[in-house]
Amino acid sequence: MKFAFSTLGCPDWPIERVVEAAVELGYDGVEIRGIKRAFDLSKAPEFSDQGIEATRDLFEKAGVPICSVDASASFCWPEVAKQKNAYDEAMAHVEIARKLGAPQVRVFGGNIPEGEPRERYASQLADWLRKLGDDAADKGILIAIETHDSWCRADQLMPVVQMAGSDNVRVLWDLMHPYIHGESMKEAADLFAGTLCHAHVKDYTGDEELTLLGEGVLPIEEAFKELKRIGFDGYVSLEWEKAWHEELADPEVAFPKAIEHMRELDRRTA
């Protein structure tokens, strides 16, 4: 496995500091989820037509791959206009990923409106994922749908992925979300085998407060064993949610501790 961090954990860092930290700490890659609190990358100067070549050069000269480009797009909207806007946002990030040489774009399923049937939105989401997968394939980019929102469990998400029927649509497994919704690491891994392209790791306390990696109750070592059992060889990316939770430790604290813990777990599960 390879290890990355998401820029969600360092929302105030300039792009140069992101690259420096990846090199200094020995991370294998970086997941781009906003820069300097610009979370729609199409609006960030670093990824504009004028700036994106310099950004790619910065990462390539440092030998740090960009392992994922993350969009906020989600598709469980009753309004067709909002669904189309989500598609446009996702495809704008697909173009950014292509120009950066990144392999994938992350999207969300979204929240099913209260009282609405899951089946309706499963079909709607599958239709959009199929279109996204086909259109992104033309640009050489995977679509990674994350275990999130109304689709946290593997047994909720996998039927949608199967319904989409696109080889270019894969799964991003946030290791925490299925688990706190009652699905074991083994149950999730069994369902995700063969479709997994990326994983997010974080940790939390018994009352579900986020905490430094290794200081919580999430069975991360078990998750690593399951990832290896199903033959996953992609990136496990630290998703330190500093951008959303200002009370969390700064990246200068969280990032070194996380890579040390992940490397140790990697050795123990070899």
Foldseek 3Di string as FASTA:
>chain_A
DFAEAECLQVLQDALLVRLVVCLVLVHQAYEYQHHNPPRLVCPDPCQDPVRVVVSLVSCVVSNHAHAEYEFAQEAQDPDPVSNVVSLVSQVVSLVSCLSSVYAEYEYEHAAHPPPDDLVVSLLRSLCSQLVSQVVSVVSRHAYEYELDHPRVALVSPLVSPVSNVHLRYAYEYALPRNVVVPADLLRNLVSRQPRHAEYEYFAAAPVRHTDAPPPHDRPVLVNVLSCVVSPNDHYYYYHNNCNVPVPYDHCVPRVSSVVVVVVVSVVVND
